[in-house]
Amino acid sequence: MASRNFNRAQALEKEVKSLFADVAIGASGAPTITKALGIASIVRNGAGDYTLTLDDKYTRLLHVSVQILAAAAEDITAQLVAEDVSSAKTIQFFTKAAAVETDPSNGARLLIKVDLKNSSSGE
């Protein structure tokens, strides 16, 4: 563990909450959450089509990033498709190669960060 004096992150937005997930990709793109707090589940809707479900509702989505960790080179990017964090608690994204929805390889990991607003103040 790091033994440093870390400082609080600050933002002009009020009540910013960050959630992180580590998702293992199995055969046929099947996702399994290996570590996550505040994220209830992730499902594969089809090739390269994933829906993340949060534990709680939030006022609005501020940011999502998806990094693909794979042993071999993969030219895959993530694209946010839809979100409803205030009602259904979902975020849908595609993983794509050459503009086609593509599953990351078996054994790859998705490292996901989600920033959310937890207040209606300042909207």
Protein backbone atom coordinates (compact mmCIF):
# COMPACT_ATOMS: atom_id res chain seq x y z
CA MET A 1 0.00 0.00 0.00
CA ALA A 2 1.14 3.53 -0.71
CA SER A 3 2.22 5.44 2.36
CA ARG A 4 1.71 8.93 1.02
CA ASN A 5 -0.40 11.87 2.09
CA PHE A 6 -3.17 11.91 -0.53
CA ASN A 7 -5.45 14.95 -0.78
CA ARG A 8 -9.15 15.16 -1.55
CA ALA A 9 -10.18 15.57 -5.17
CA GLN A 10 -12.16 18.73 -5.87
CA ALA A 11 -14.60 19.75 -8.58
CA LEU A 12 -16.84 22.73 -9.29
CA GLU A 13 -19.73 20.27 -9.66
CA LYS A 14 -21.37 19.46 -6.33
CA GLU A 15 -21.44 15.89 -4.98
CA VAL A 16 -19.41 14.11 -7.67
CA LYS A 17 -19.23 10.36 -7.02
CA SER A 18 -16.81 8.02 -8.78
CA LEU A 19 -17.45 4.30 -9.21
CA PHE A 20 -14.93 1.79 -10.50
CA ALA A 21 -15.35 -1.72 -11.90
CA ASP A 22 -13.00 -4.48 -12.99
CA VAL A 23 -14.81 -6.80 -15.41
CA ALA A 24 -13.36 -10.09 -16.67
CA ILE A 25 -14.31 -11.11 -20.22
CA GLY A 26 -14.85 -14.81 -20.84
CA ALA A 27 -15.73 -16.91 -23.86
CA SER A 28 -18.13 -15.25 -26.32
CA GLY A 29 -17.64 -11.89 -24.59
CA ALA A 30 -19.36 -12.95 -21.37
CA PRO A 31 -18.67 -10.33 -18.65
CA THR A 32 -18.11 -11.11 -14.95
CA ILE A 33 -17.57 -8.39 -12.36
CA THR A 34 -14.47 -9.24 -10.35
CA LYS A 35 -14.37 -6.02 -8.31
CA ALA A 36 -16.86 -3.18 -8.05
CA LEU A 37 -18.57 -1.09 -5.41
CA GLY A 38 -21.80 0.69 -6.33
CA ILE A 39 -22.27 -1.35 -9.50
CA ALA A 40 -24.88 -4.09 -9.33
CA SER A 41 -24.24 -5.96 -12.58
CA ILE A 42 -23.06 -6.00 -16.17
CA VAL A 43 -24.69 -8.01 -18.96
CA ARG A 44 -23.83 -8.72 -22.57
CA ASN A 45 -26.81 -7.83 -24.80
CA GLY A 46 -25.12 -9.00 -28.00
CA ALA A 47 -21.70 -8.89 -29.65
CA GLY A 48 -19.83 -5.96 -28.11
CA ASP A 49 -23.02 -4.59 -26.52
CA TYR A 50 -22.94 -4.24 -22.72
CA THR A 51 -25.25 -2.75 -20.09
CA LEU A 52 -23.93 -1.73 -16.69
CA THR A 53 -26.50 -1.44 -13.89
CA LEU A 54 -25.75 0.73 -10.87
CA ASP A 55 -26.82 0.01 -7.29
CA ASP A 56 -28.32 3.47 -6.87
CA LYS A 57 -29.94 6.29 -8.85
CA TYR A 58 -28.01 9.49 -9.52
CA THR A 59 -28.99 12.95 -10.74
CA ARG A 60 -26.90 12.74 -13.91
CA LEU A 61 -24.01 11.04 -15.63
CA LEU A 62 -20.84 13.14 -15.89
CA HIS A 63 -18.31 10.76 -17.44
CA VAL A 64 -17.65 7.13 -18.36
CA SER A 65 -14.35 5.63 -19.40
CA VAL A 66 -13.72 2.03 -20.41
CA GLN A 67 -10.17 0.75 -20.82
CA ILE A 68 -9.57 -2.69 -22.30
CA LEU A 69 -6.70 -4.61 -20.73
CA ALA A 70 -5.62 -7.47 -23.01
CA ALA A 71 -2.40 -9.45 -23.39
CA ALA A 72 -2.46 -9.27 -27.20
CA ALA A 73 -3.00 -6.18 -29.32
CA GLU A 74 -6.67 -5.43 -29.97
CA ASP A 75 -7.91 -2.41 -31.90
CA ILE A 76 -11.12 -2.07 -29.87
CA THR A 77 -12.67 1.14 -28.61
CA ALA A 78 -15.61 1.77 -26.29
CA GLN A 79 -18.56 3.95 -27.24
CA LEU A 80 -21.29 5.13 -24.88
CA VAL A 81 -24.68 4.34 -26.44
CA ALA A 82 -27.32 5.24 -23.84
CA GLU A 83 -27.69 6.09 -20.19
CA ASP A 84 -30.48 6.39 -17.65
CA VAL A 85 -28.79 6.83 -14.29
CA SER A 86 -31.70 8.76 -12.78
CA SER A 87 -34.37 6.09 -13.27
CA ALA A 88 -33.31 2.68 -14.63
CA LYS A 89 -29.76 3.07 -13.20
CA THR A 90 -28.19 1.85 -16.47
CA ILE A 91 -25.31 2.75 -18.77
CA GLN A 92 -25.05 1.01 -22.15
CA PHE A 93 -21.87 0.93 -24.21
CA PHE A 94 -20.44 -0.83 -27.25
CA THR A 95 -16.96 -2.21 -27.73
CA LYS A 96 -16.15 -1.73 -31.42
CA ALA A 97 -13.47 -2.63 -33.93
CA ALA A 98 -13.58 -0.93 -37.34
CA ALA A 99 -17.06 0.50 -36.49
CA VAL A 100 -18.49 -2.98 -35.82
CA GLU A 101 -19.63 -4.16 -32.38
CA THR A 102 -16.95 -6.65 -31.30
CA ASP A 103 -16.39 -8.61 -28.10
CA PRO A 104 -13.05 -8.13 -26.37
CA SER A 105 -10.99 -11.33 -26.40
CA ASN A 106 -11.43 -14.13 -23.88
CA GLY A 107 -9.27 -13.25 -20.87
CA ALA A 108 -9.39 -9.50 -21.44
CA ARG A 109 -10.51 -7.13 -18.68
CA LEU A 110 -12.60 -3.97 -18.80
CA LEU A 111 -11.47 -1.31 -16.35
CA ILE A 112 -14.43 1.05 -15.99
CA LYS A 113 -14.70 4.44 -14.26
CA VAL A 114 -18.05 6.21 -13.90
CA ASP A 115 -18.43 9.77 -12.56
CA LEU A 116 -21.90 10.73 -11.40
CA LYS A 117 -23.62 13.73 -9.85
CA ASN A 118 -25.47 12.99 -6.62
CA SER A 119 -27.15 16.36 -6.13
CA SER A 120 -29.44 18.71 -8.05
CA SER A 121 -27.46 21.68 -6.68
CA GLY A 122 -25.89 23.85 -9.39
CA GLU A 123 -27.67 22.26 -12.35
